[in-house]
């Protein structure tokens, strides 16, 4: 409607100016007077036109600013406060755990720091048990989760996901002398020590295992070691890390790889924050291109797990 009004106003002004010019050329006092009136009308119409343009420009700028503000959403809040709050477990070596100096370290921890640096803010970690991680995300207590979160259609109903940045192979850990478990099919009917709210726990159930519900990987391995569970599922890298740090247990367990490498790590964000997801993807793309992701995988896993090979 405003555009049509503007065009009509400009046309009237142009027509008035042309009419005034024609009448002045006739040399008549009467027509000259009329021409002056027409010229005033043209000037007035031009002023109205400029006012309409200015008003339209202001409203357009306001609408654009509002749209950008809505799109920025959580990302704008993070930049304004100067830090991003990252949910992670802190008990899942070598992904997120405490070293001998009680410092929070691990592959996921360093990925989170890289994302924060890319955004240009500090990072604050909120260490939370896995079973309450997404509740903390829903409540706004944390901004994102960086904890080897896998994608699922169920989760995608509430969250948007970044691109994958790591790949995993699932494996079974059981006692070395357990001759009944040598493949994924052998897990059926057996007791698996895993967290029922995790993707690995769901995988265990889908494989026919009966869950011995535990919350941490170290506790799960302890359950198998003490005979309270027949086995536990986890990424191969978790078992490799455990055995590297507990060489005394190397002869007590066997590890059976049961899947091919699959995407296993995404950053979930509450829906409606597309700008934040986009900048996280930009950070992950840069980390892949500059070799950081591969370096972190080699540092914590002794193998590059970031390419899915």
C-alpha atoms as a PDB file:
ATOM      1  CA  UNK A   1       0.000   0.000   0.000  1.00  0.00           C
ATOM      2  CA  UNK A   2       2.773   2.465   0.865  1.00  0.00           C
ATOM      3  CA  UNK A   3       4.628   1.726  -2.373  1.00  0.00           C
ATOM      4  CA  UNK A   4       1.529   2.497  -4.479  1.00  0.00           C
ATOM      5  CA  UNK A   5       0.952   5.755  -2.581  1.00  0.00           C
ATOM      6  CA  UNK A   6       4.554   6.763  -3.190  1.00  0.00           C
ATOM      7  CA  UNK A   7       4.322   6.127  -6.948  1.00  0.00           C
ATOM      8  CA  UNK A   8       1.060   8.081  -7.199  1.00  0.00           C
ATOM      9  CA  UNK A   9       2.523  11.047  -5.297  1.00  0.00           C
ATOM     10  CA  UNK A  10       5.590  11.208  -7.518  1.00  0.00           C
ATOM     11  CA  UNK A  11       3.398  11.059 -10.666  1.00  0.00           C
ATOM     12  CA  UNK A  12       1.206  13.943  -9.463  1.00  0.00           C
ATOM     13  CA  UNK A  13       4.279  16.028  -8.677  1.00  0.00           C
ATOM     14  CA  UNK A  14       5.789  15.383 -12.110  1.00  0.00           C
ATOM     15  CA  UNK A  15       2.532  16.218 -13.898  1.00  0.00           C
ATOM     16  CA  UNK A  16       2.120  19.448 -11.905  1.00  0.00           C
ATOM     17  CA  UNK A  17       5.648  20.547 -12.721  1.00  0.00           C
ATOM     18  CA  UNK A  18       5.152  19.946 -16.458  1.00  0.00           C
ATOM     19  CA  UNK A  19       1.826  21.857 -16.477  1.00  0.00           C
ATOM     20  CA  UNK A  20       3.367  24.837 -14.679  1.00  0.00           C
ATOM     21  CA  UNK A  21       6.207  25.042 -17.170  1.00  0.00           C
ATOM     22  CA  UNK A  22       3.829  24.989 -20.180  1.00  0.00           C
ATOM     23  CA  UNK A  23       1.564  27.762 -18.820  1.00  0.00           C
ATOM     24  CA  UNK A  24       4.437  30.091 -17.926  1.00  0.00           C
ATOM     25  CA  UNK A  25       5.616  29.914 -21.529  1.00  0.00           C
ATOM     26  CA  UNK A  26       2.287  31.493 -22.696  1.00  0.00           C
ATOM     27  CA  UNK A  27       3.165  34.811 -21.021  1.00  0.00           C
ATOM     28  CA  UNK A  28      -0.283  35.356 -19.446  1.00  0.00           C
ATOM     29  CA  UNK A  29      -0.457  36.828 -15.944  1.00  0.00           C
ATOM     30  CA  UNK A  30      -3.376  34.568 -15.178  1.00  0.00           C
ATOM     31  CA  UNK A  31      -1.583  31.489 -16.396  1.00  0.00           C
ATOM     32  CA  UNK A  32       1.575  32.578 -14.601  1.00  0.00           C
ATOM     33  CA  UNK A  33      -0.384  32.765 -11.367  1.00  0.00           C
ATOM     34  CA  UNK A  34      -1.802  29.337 -12.038  1.00  0.00           C
ATOM     35  CA  UNK A  35       1.679  28.110 -12.796  1.00  0.00           C
ATOM     36  CA  UNK A  36       2.907  29.405  -9.435  1.00  0.00           C
ATOM     37  CA  UNK A  37       0.112  27.569  -7.688  1.00  0.00           C
ATOM     38  CA  UNK A  38       0.944  24.389  -9.575  1.00  0.00           C
ATOM     39  CA  UNK A  39       4.607  24.764  -8.704  1.00  0.00           C
ATOM     40  CA  UNK A  40       3.725  25.123  -5.008  1.00  0.00           C
ATOM     41  CA  UNK A  41       1.550  22.034  -5.289  1.00  0.00           C
ATOM     42  CA  UNK A  42       4.418  20.148  -6.918  1.00  0.00           C
ATOM     43  CA  UNK A  43       6.805  21.246  -4.146  1.00  0.00           C
ATOM     44  CA  UNK A  44       4.325  20.187  -1.484  1.00  0.00           C
ATOM     45  CA  UNK A  45       3.776  16.850  -3.196  1.00  0.00           C
ATOM     46  CA  UNK A  46       7.521  16.284  -3.371  1.00  0.00           C
ATOM     47  CA  UNK A  47       7.849  16.987   0.375  1.00  0.00           C
ATOM     48  CA  UNK A  48       5.076  14.479   1.093  1.00  0.00           C
ATOM     49  CA  UNK A  49       6.829  11.977  -1.133  1.00  0.00           C
ATOM     50  CA  UNK A  50      10.114  12.420   0.742  1.00  0.00           C
ATOM     51  CA  UNK A  51       8.316  11.994   4.075  1.00  0.00           C
ATOM     52  CA  UNK A  52       6.739   8.763   2.847  1.00  0.00           C
ATOM     53  CA  UNK A  53      10.138   7.524   1.670  1.00  0.00           C
ATOM     54  CA  UNK A  54      11.771   8.358   5.004  1.00  0.00           C
ATOM     55  CA  UNK A  55       8.974   6.729   6.994  1.00  0.00           C
ATOM     56  CA  UNK A  56       9.149   3.617   4.831  1.00  0.00           C
ATOM     57  CA  UNK A  57      12.930   3.462   5.191  1.00  0.00           C
ATOM     58  CA  UNK A  58      12.724   3.777   8.985  1.00  0.00           C
ATOM     59  CA  UNK A  59      10.085   1.051   9.251  1.00  0.00           C
ATOM     60  CA  UNK A  60      12.074  -1.218   6.923  1.00  0.00           C
ATOM     61  CA  UNK A  61      15.215  -0.724   9.034  1.00  0.00           C
ATOM     62  CA  UNK A  62      13.263  -1.457  12.212  1.00  0.00           C
ATOM     63  CA  UNK A  63      11.757  -4.617  10.737  1.00  0.00           C
ATOM     64  CA  UNK A  64      15.191  -5.802   9.547  1.00  0.00           C
ATOM     65  CA  UNK A  65      16.734  -5.153  12.966  1.00  0.00           C
ATOM     66  CA  UNK A  66      13.910  -7.020  14.688  1.00  0.00           C
ATOM     67  CA  UNK A  67      14.281  -9.967  12.303  1.00  0.00           C
ATOM     68  CA  UNK A  68      18.035 -10.097  12.889  1.00  0.00           C
ATOM     69  CA  UNK A  69      17.491  -9.911  16.651  1.00  0.00           C
ATOM     70  CA  UNK A  70      15.027 -12.806  16.597  1.00  0.00           C
ATOM     71  CA  UNK A  71      17.329 -14.876  14.376  1.00  0.00           C
ATOM     72  CA  UNK A  72      20.353 -14.184  16.604  1.00  0.00           C
ATOM     73  CA  UNK A  73      18.434 -15.404  19.675  1.00  0.00           C
ATOM     74  CA  UNK A  74      20.671 -17.333  22.043  1.00  0.00           C
ATOM     75  CA  UNK A  75      23.813 -16.440  20.102  1.00  0.00           C
ATOM     76  CA  UNK A  76      23.189 -12.742  20.812  1.00  0.00           C
ATOM     77  CA  UNK A  77      22.715 -13.499  24.518  1.00  0.00           C
ATOM     78  CA  UNK A  78      25.966 -15.479  24.611  1.00  0.00           C
ATOM     79  CA  UNK A  79      27.926 -12.669  22.960  1.00  0.00           C
ATOM     80  CA  UNK A  80      26.384 -10.064  25.252  1.00  0.00           C
ATOM     81  CA  UNK A  81      27.249 -11.961  28.438  1.00  0.00           C
ATOM     82  CA  UNK A  82      30.705 -12.888  27.115  1.00  0.00           C
ATOM     83  CA  UNK A  83      30.644 -16.644  27.753  1.00  0.00           C
ATOM     84  CA  UNK A  84      28.903 -19.818  26.654  1.00  0.00           C
ATOM     85  CA  UNK A  85      27.703 -22.448  29.162  1.00  0.00           C
ATOM     86  CA  UNK A  86      28.524 -25.982  28.029  1.00  0.00           C
ATOM     87  CA  UNK A  87      26.986 -29.091  29.548  1.00  0.00           C
ATOM     88  CA  UNK A  88      29.298 -32.106  29.858  1.00  0.00           C
ATOM     89  CA  UNK A  89      29.704 -35.079  32.177  1.00  0.00           C
ATOM     90  CA  UNK A  90      33.293 -34.798  33.355  1.00  0.00           C
ATOM     91  CA  UNK A  91      33.373 -38.518  34.176  1.00  0.00           C
ATOM     92  CA  UNK A  92      33.767 -40.089  30.733  1.00  0.00           C
ATOM     93  CA  UNK A  93      37.422 -40.608  29.885  1.00  0.00           C
ATOM     94  CA  UNK A  94      38.930 -39.810  27.400  1.00  0.00           C
ATOM     95  CA  UNK A  95      36.063 -37.613  26.189  1.00  0.00           C
ATOM     96  CA  UNK A  96      35.393 -35.467  29.267  1.00  0.00           C
ATOM     97  CA  UNK A  97      37.090 -36.171  32.601  1.00  0.00           C
ATOM     98  CA  UNK A  98      39.370 -34.809  35.323  1.00  0.00           C
ATOM     99  CA  UNK A  99      43.122 -35.343  35.105  1.00  0.00           C
ATOM    100  CA  UNK A 100      45.538 -35.898  37.982  1.00  0.00           C
ATOM    101  CA  UNK A 101      45.422 -32.180  38.754  1.00  0.00           C
ATOM    102  CA  UNK A 102      41.619 -32.290  38.887  1.00  0.00           C
ATOM    103  CA  UNK A 103      41.435 -30.173  35.728  1.00  0.00           C
ATOM    104  CA  UNK A 104      38.553 -30.851  33.345  1.00  0.00           C
ATOM    105  CA  UNK A 105      40.078 -32.200  30.133  1.00  0.00           C
ATOM    106  CA  UNK A 106      39.241 -34.478  27.221  1.00  0.00           C
ATOM    107  CA  UNK A 107      38.386 -34.501  23.536  1.00  0.00           C
ATOM    108  CA  UNK A 108      34.914 -32.992  24.039  1.00  0.00           C
ATOM    109  CA  UNK A 109      36.232 -30.358  26.429  1.00  0.00           C
ATOM    110  CA  UNK A 110      38.746 -29.109  23.868  1.00  0.00           C
ATOM    111  CA  UNK A 111      36.139 -29.122  21.090  1.00  0.00           C
ATOM    112  CA  UNK A 112      33.922 -26.929  23.283  1.00  0.00           C
ATOM    113  CA  UNK A 113      36.795 -24.526  23.949  1.00  0.00           C
ATOM    114  CA  UNK A 114      37.474 -24.277  20.212  1.00  0.00           C
ATOM    115  CA  UNK A 115      33.824 -23.402  19.521  1.00  0.00           C
ATOM    116  CA  UNK A 116      33.881 -20.724  22.242  1.00  0.00           C
ATOM    117  CA  UNK A 117      37.091 -19.224  20.846  1.00  0.00           C
ATOM    118  CA  UNK A 118      35.558 -19.112  17.371  1.00  0.00           C
ATOM    119  CA  UNK A 119      32.501 -17.264  18.690  1.00  0.00           C
ATOM    120  CA  UNK A 120      34.806 -14.927  20.595  1.00  0.00           C
ATOM    121  CA  UNK A 121      33.640 -15.676  24.142  1.00  0.00           C
ATOM    122  CA  UNK A 122      34.845 -17.539  27.228  1.00  0.00           C
ATOM    123  CA  UNK A 123      33.526 -20.961  28.150  1.00  0.00           C
ATOM    124  CA  UNK A 124      31.985 -22.156  31.402  1.00  0.00           C
ATOM    125  CA  UNK A 125      31.440 -25.879  31.900  1.00  0.00           C
ATOM    126  CA  UNK A 126      28.473 -27.255  33.788  1.00  0.00           C
ATOM    127  CA  UNK A 127      29.253 -30.826  34.802  1.00  0.00           C
ATOM    128  CA  UNK A 128      26.017 -32.776  34.824  1.00  0.00           C
ATOM    129  CA  UNK A 129      25.099 -36.452  34.961  1.00  0.00           C
ATOM    130  CA  UNK A 130      23.979 -37.706  31.583  1.00  0.00           C
ATOM    131  CA  UNK A 131      20.416 -38.491  32.670  1.00  0.00           C
ATOM    132  CA  UNK A 132      19.729 -34.807  33.425  1.00  0.00           C
ATOM    133  CA  UNK A 133      21.761 -33.240  30.593  1.00  0.00           C
ATOM    134  CA  UNK A 134      18.862 -32.460  28.274  1.00  0.00           C
ATOM    135  CA  UNK A 135      16.666 -31.271  31.129  1.00  0.00           C
ATOM    136  CA  UNK A 136      19.360 -28.690  31.903  1.00  0.00           C
ATOM    137  CA  UNK A 137      19.371 -27.690  28.233  1.00  0.00           C
ATOM    138  CA  UNK A 138      15.574 -27.326  28.203  1.00  0.00           C
ATOM    139  CA  UNK A 139      15.648 -25.201  31.355  1.00  0.00           C
ATOM    140  CA  UNK A 140      18.221 -22.817  29.887  1.00  0.00           C
ATOM    141  CA  UNK A 141      20.792 -23.718  32.538  1.00  0.00           C
ATOM    142  CA  UNK A 142      23.233 -24.602  29.762  1.00  0.00           C
ATOM    143  CA  UNK A 143      23.469 -23.278  26.206  1.00  0.00           C
ATOM    144  CA  UNK A 144      24.752 -26.390  24.420  1.00  0.00           C
ATOM    145  CA  UNK A 145      25.863 -29.940  25.173  1.00  0.00           C
ATOM    146  CA  UNK A 146      29.301 -31.114  24.060  1.00  0.00           C
ATOM    147  CA  UNK A 147      29.465 -34.681  25.270  1.00  0.00           C
ATOM    148  CA  UNK A 148      29.500 -37.062  22.315  1.00  0.00           C
ATOM    149  CA  UNK A 149      25.762 -36.611  21.743  1.00  0.00           C
ATOM    150  CA  UNK A 150      24.395 -38.785  18.949  1.00  0.00           C
ATOM    151  CA  UNK A 151      21.537 -37.808  16.650  1.00  0.00           C
ATOM    152  CA  UNK A 152      18.093 -39.404  16.854  1.00  0.00           C
ATOM    153  CA  UNK A 153      14.739 -38.513  15.312  1.00  0.00           C
ATOM    154  CA  UNK A 154      13.241 -38.336  18.791  1.00  0.00           C
ATOM    155  CA  UNK A 155      15.797 -35.754  19.907  1.00  0.00           C
ATOM    156  CA  UNK A 156      15.429 -33.859  16.640  1.00  0.00           C
ATOM    157  CA  UNK A 157      11.824 -33.064  17.557  1.00  0.00           C
ATOM    158  CA  UNK A 158      13.104 -30.696  20.253  1.00  0.00           C
ATOM    159  CA  UNK A 159      16.640 -29.836  19.209  1.00  0.00           C
ATOM    160  CA  UNK A 160      18.588 -28.730  16.166  1.00  0.00           C
ATOM    161  CA  UNK A 161      21.908 -30.468  15.647  1.00  0.00           C
ATOM    162  CA  UNK A 162      25.259 -29.349  14.358  1.00  0.00           C
ATOM    163  CA  UNK A 163      27.075 -31.381  11.747  1.00  0.00           C
ATOM    164  CA  UNK A 164      28.869 -34.478  13.144  1.00  0.00           C
ATOM    165  CA  UNK A 165      32.440 -33.981  14.332  1.00  0.00           C
ATOM    166  CA  UNK A 166      33.407 -37.474  15.498  1.00  0.00           C
ATOM    167  CA  UNK A 167      32.706 -41.115  14.670  1.00  0.00           C
ATOM    168  CA  UNK A 168      32.583 -44.185  16.891  1.00  0.00           C
ATOM    169  CA  UNK A 169      32.518 -47.940  16.745  1.00  0.00           C
ATOM    170  CA  UNK A 170      30.552 -49.654  19.474  1.00  0.00           C
ATOM    171  CA  UNK A 171      32.130 -52.571  21.253  1.00  0.00           C
ATOM    172  CA  UNK A 172      31.372 -55.069  23.992  1.00  0.00           C
ATOM    173  CA  UNK A 173      33.636 -55.488  26.997  1.00  0.00           C
ATOM    174  CA  UNK A 174      33.309 -58.743  28.917  1.00  0.00           C
ATOM    175  CA  UNK A 175      35.525 -61.017  30.986  1.00  0.00           C
ATOM    176  CA  UNK A 176      38.259 -62.738  28.996  1.00  0.00           C
ATOM    177  CA  UNK A 177      37.139 -66.184  30.132  1.00  0.00           C
ATOM    178  CA  UNK A 178      33.462 -65.640  29.211  1.00  0.00           C
ATOM    179  CA  UNK A 179      33.102 -68.075  26.322  1.00  0.00           C
ATOM    180  CA  UNK A 180      29.401 -67.327  25.914  1.00  0.00           C
ATOM    181  CA  UNK A 181      29.942 -63.818  24.544  1.00  0.00           C
ATOM    182  CA  UNK A 182      31.884 -63.460  21.303  1.00  0.00           C
ATOM    183  CA  UNK A 183      29.570 -61.412  19.081  1.00  0.00           C
ATOM    184  CA  UNK A 184      26.698 -58.927  19.160  1.00  0.00           C
ATOM    185  CA  UNK A 185      24.155 -61.759  18.866  1.00  0.00           C
ATOM    186  CA  UNK A 186      25.526 -63.265  22.084  1.00  0.00           C
ATOM    187  CA  UNK A 187      24.398 -60.178  24.029  1.00  0.00           C
ATOM    188  CA  UNK A 188      20.761 -61.287  23.815  1.00  0.00           C
ATOM    189  CA  UNK A 189      19.421 -62.120  27.249  1.00  0.00           C
ATOM    190  CA  UNK A 190      22.670 -61.110  28.955  1.00  0.00           C
ATOM    191  CA  UNK A 191      23.013 -58.354  31.571  1.00  0.00           C
ATOM    192  CA  UNK A 192      24.636 -55.177  30.254  1.00  0.00           C
ATOM    193  CA  UNK A 193      25.845 -52.425  32.575  1.00  0.00           C
ATOM    194  CA  UNK A 194      24.783 -49.218  30.797  1.00  0.00           C
ATOM    195  CA  UNK A 195      22.845 -45.994  31.256  1.00  0.00           C
ATOM    196  CA  UNK A 196      19.272 -46.504  29.935  1.00  0.00           C
ATOM    197  CA  UNK A 197      18.988 -42.823  28.946  1.00  0.00           C
ATOM    198  CA  UNK A 198      22.062 -42.916  26.699  1.00  0.00           C
ATOM    199  CA  UNK A 199      22.265 -43.924  23.047  1.00  0.00           C
ATOM    200  CA  UNK A 200      24.604 -46.754  24.014  1.00  0.00           C
ATOM    201  CA  UNK A 201      22.125 -47.980  26.603  1.00  0.00           C
ATOM    202  CA  UNK A 202      19.356 -47.954  24.014  1.00  0.00           C
ATOM    203  CA  UNK A 203      21.635 -49.826  21.617  1.00  0.00           C
ATOM    204  CA  UNK A 204      22.215 -52.447  24.307  1.00  0.00           C
ATOM    205  CA  UNK A 205      18.477 -52.892  24.785  1.00  0.00           C
ATOM    206  CA  UNK A 206      17.873 -53.071  21.041  1.00  0.00           C
ATOM    207  CA  UNK A 207      20.500 -55.804  20.927  1.00  0.00           C
ATOM    208  CA  UNK A 208      18.444 -57.853  23.371  1.00  0.00           C
ATOM    209  CA  UNK A 209      20.466 -57.209  26.519  1.00  0.00           C
ATOM    210  CA  UNK A 210      18.876 -56.656  29.928  1.00  0.00           C
ATOM    211  CA  UNK A 211      20.170 -53.454  31.525  1.00  0.00           C
ATOM    212  CA  UNK A 212      21.994 -53.190  34.809  1.00  0.00           C
ATOM    213  CA  UNK A 213      21.413 -49.452  35.112  1.00  0.00           C
ATOM    214  CA  UNK A 214      24.580 -47.458  35.831  1.00  0.00           C
ATOM    215  CA  UNK A 215      25.491 -43.864  35.139  1.00  0.00           C
ATOM    216  CA  UNK A 216      29.214 -43.872  34.411  1.00  0.00           C
ATOM    217  CA  UNK A 217      31.589 -45.863  32.199  1.00  0.00           C
ATOM    218  CA  UNK A 218      33.984 -46.628  35.045  1.00  0.00           C
ATOM    219  CA  UNK A 219      31.126 -48.003  37.141  1.00  0.00           C
ATOM    220  CA  UNK A 220      29.936 -50.113  34.195  1.00  0.00           C
ATOM    221  CA  UNK A 221      33.363 -51.705  33.780  1.00  0.00           C
ATOM    222  CA  UNK A 222      33.489 -52.343  37.526  1.00  0.00           C
ATOM    223  CA  UNK A 223      30.127 -54.141  37.322  1.00  0.00           C
ATOM    224  CA  UNK A 224      31.548 -56.510  34.695  1.00  0.00           C
ATOM    225  CA  UNK A 225      34.806 -56.967  36.579  1.00  0.00           C
ATOM    226  CA  UNK A 226      32.966 -57.939  39.772  1.00  0.00           C
ATOM    227  CA  UNK A 227      30.523 -60.275  38.001  1.00  0.00           C
ATOM    228  CA  UNK A 228      27.407 -58.183  38.585  1.00  0.00           C
ATOM    229  CA  UNK A 229      26.971 -57.715  34.841  1.00  0.00           C
ATOM    230  CA  UNK A 230      27.875 -59.941  31.905  1.00  0.00           C
ATOM    231  CA  UNK A 231      29.055 -57.120  29.680  1.00  0.00           C
ATOM    232  CA  UNK A 232      28.950 -53.419  28.914  1.00  0.00           C
ATOM    233  CA  UNK A 233      28.690 -51.499  25.644  1.00  0.00           C
ATOM    234  CA  UNK A 234      30.749 -48.430  24.838  1.00  0.00           C
ATOM    235  CA  UNK A 235      32.783 -46.862  22.037  1.00  0.00           C
ATOM    236  CA  UNK A 236      35.998 -48.780  21.370  1.00  0.00           C
ATOM    237  CA  UNK A 237      37.984 -45.694  22.371  1.00  0.00           C
ATOM    238  CA  UNK A 238      36.589 -45.775  25.904  1.00  0.00           C
ATOM    239  CA  UNK A 239      37.697 -49.366  26.476  1.00  0.00           C
ATOM    240  CA  UNK A 240      41.088 -48.697  24.871  1.00  0.00           C
ATOM    241  CA  UNK A 241      41.595 -45.723  27.182  1.00  0.00           C
ATOM    242  CA  UNK A 242      40.601 -47.742  30.247  1.00  0.00           C
ATOM    243  CA  UNK A 243      42.994 -50.579  29.445  1.00  0.00           C
ATOM    244  CA  UNK A 244      45.803 -48.118  28.695  1.00  0.00           C
ATOM    245  CA  UNK A 245      45.335 -46.570  32.137  1.00  0.00           C
ATOM    246  CA  UNK A 246      44.760 -49.916  33.878  1.00  0.00           C
ATOM    247  CA  UNK A 247      47.305 -52.313  32.368  1.00  0.00           C
ATOM    248  CA  UNK A 248      46.795 -54.637  35.324  1.00  0.00           C
ATOM    249  CA  UNK A 249      43.343 -55.440  33.918  1.00  0.00           C
ATOM    250  CA  UNK A 250      44.489 -56.123  30.350  1.00  0.00           C
ATOM    251  CA  UNK A 251      44.298 -59.895  30.797  1.00  0.00           C
ATOM    252  CA  UNK A 252      40.953 -59.794  32.598  1.00  0.00           C
ATOM    253  CA  UNK A 253      38.855 -58.452  29.738  1.00  0.00           C
ATOM    254  CA  UNK A 254      38.244 -58.919  26.052  1.00  0.00           C
ATOM    255  CA  UNK A 255      36.836 -56.273  23.723  1.00  0.00           C
ATOM    256  CA  UNK A 256      34.591 -57.245  20.817  1.00  0.00           C
ATOM    257  CA  UNK A 257      33.943 -54.591  18.153  1.00  0.00           C
ATOM    258  CA  UNK A 258      30.318 -54.889  16.974  1.00  0.00           C
ATOM    259  CA  UNK A 259      29.639 -51.932  14.611  1.00  0.00           C
ATOM    260  CA  UNK A 260      31.258 -50.014  11.782  1.00  0.00           C
ATOM    261  CA  UNK A 261      32.245 -46.363  12.366  1.00  0.00           C
ATOM    262  CA  UNK A 262      29.168 -44.138  12.529  1.00  0.00           C
ATOM    263  CA  UNK A 263      28.638 -40.433  13.311  1.00  0.00           C
ATOM    264  CA  UNK A 264      28.434 -40.228  17.078  1.00  0.00           C
ATOM    265  CA  UNK A 265      29.059 -36.649  18.133  1.00  0.00           C
ATOM    266  CA  UNK A 266      26.843 -33.645  17.417  1.00  0.00           C
ATOM    267  CA  UNK A 267      26.169 -30.418  19.302  1.00  0.00           C
ATOM    268  CA  UNK A 268      22.450 -30.106  20.161  1.00  0.00           C
ATOM    269  CA  UNK A 269      20.819 -26.692  20.527  1.00  0.00           C
ATOM    270  CA  UNK A 270      17.244 -25.924  21.565  1.00  0.00           C
ATOM    271  CA  UNK A 271      15.166 -25.288  18.432  1.00  0.00           C
ATOM    272  CA  UNK A 272      14.776 -21.694  17.274  1.00  0.00           C
ATOM    273  CA  UNK A 273      18.463 -20.791  17.460  1.00  0.00           C
ATOM    274  CA  UNK A 274      19.571 -21.204  13.861  1.00  0.00           C
ATOM    275  CA  UNK A 275      22.234 -18.498  14.135  1.00  0.00           C
ATOM    276  CA  UNK A 276      23.963 -20.397  16.953  1.00  0.00           C
ATOM    277  CA  UNK A 277      23.852 -23.694  15.046  1.00  0.00           C
ATOM    278  CA  UNK A 278      25.327 -21.969  11.987  1.00  0.00           C
ATOM    279  CA  UNK A 279      28.265 -20.490  13.885  1.00  0.00           C
ATOM    280  CA  UNK A 280      28.950 -23.846  15.597  1.00  0.00           C
ATOM    281  CA  UNK A 281      29.077 -25.485  12.161  1.00  0.00           C
ATOM    282  CA  UNK A 282      31.455 -22.782  10.978  1.00  0.00           C
ATOM    283  CA  UNK A 283      33.721 -23.493  13.952  1.00  0.00           C
ATOM    284  CA  UNK A 284      33.646 -27.255  13.336  1.00  0.00           C
ATOM    285  CA  UNK A 285      34.378 -26.758   9.629  1.00  0.00           C
ATOM    286  CA  UNK A 286      37.383 -24.639  10.505  1.00  0.00           C
ATOM    287  CA  UNK A 287      38.570 -27.210  13.066  1.00  0.00           C
ATOM    288  CA  UNK A 288      38.422 -29.871  10.347  1.00  0.00           C
ATOM    289  CA  UNK A 289      40.199 -27.724   7.770  1.00  0.00           C
ATOM    290  CA  UNK A 290      43.022 -26.586  10.046  1.00  0.00           C
ATOM    291  CA  UNK A 291      43.566 -30.124  11.388  1.00  0.00           C
ATOM    292  CA  UNK A 292      42.549 -29.394  14.982  1.00  0.00           C
ATOM    293  CA  UNK A 293      39.921 -32.147  15.182  1.00  0.00           C
ATOM    294  CA  UNK A 294      42.327 -34.775  13.875  1.00  0.00           C
ATOM    295  CA  UNK A 295      45.021 -33.611  16.289  1.00  0.00           C
ATOM    296  CA  UNK A 296      42.628 -33.832  19.253  1.00  0.00           C
ATOM    297  CA  UNK A 297      41.525 -37.334  18.262  1.00  0.00           C
ATOM    298  CA  UNK A 298      45.132 -38.503  18.006  1.00  0.00           C
ATOM    299  CA  UNK A 299      45.896 -36.849  21.348  1.00  0.00           C
ATOM    300  CA  UNK A 300      43.085 -38.577  23.233  1.00  0.00           C
ATOM    301  CA  UNK A 301      42.376 -41.745  21.220  1.00  0.00           C
ATOM    302  CA  UNK A 302      45.710 -42.506  19.517  1.00  0.00           C
ATOM    303  CA  UNK A 303      43.743 -42.754  16.250  1.00  0.00           C
ATOM    304  CA  UNK A 304      41.917 -40.219  14.089  1.00  0.00           C
ATOM    305  CA  UNK A 305      38.221 -40.914  14.639  1.00  0.00           C
ATOM    306  CA  UNK A 306      36.966 -37.705  13.056  1.00  0.00           C
ATOM    307  CA  UNK A 307      36.739 -38.916   9.447  1.00  0.00           C
ATOM    308  CA  UNK A 308      34.627 -42.039   9.833  1.00  0.00           C
ATOM    309  CA  UNK A 309      37.249 -44.276   8.229  1.00  0.00           C
END
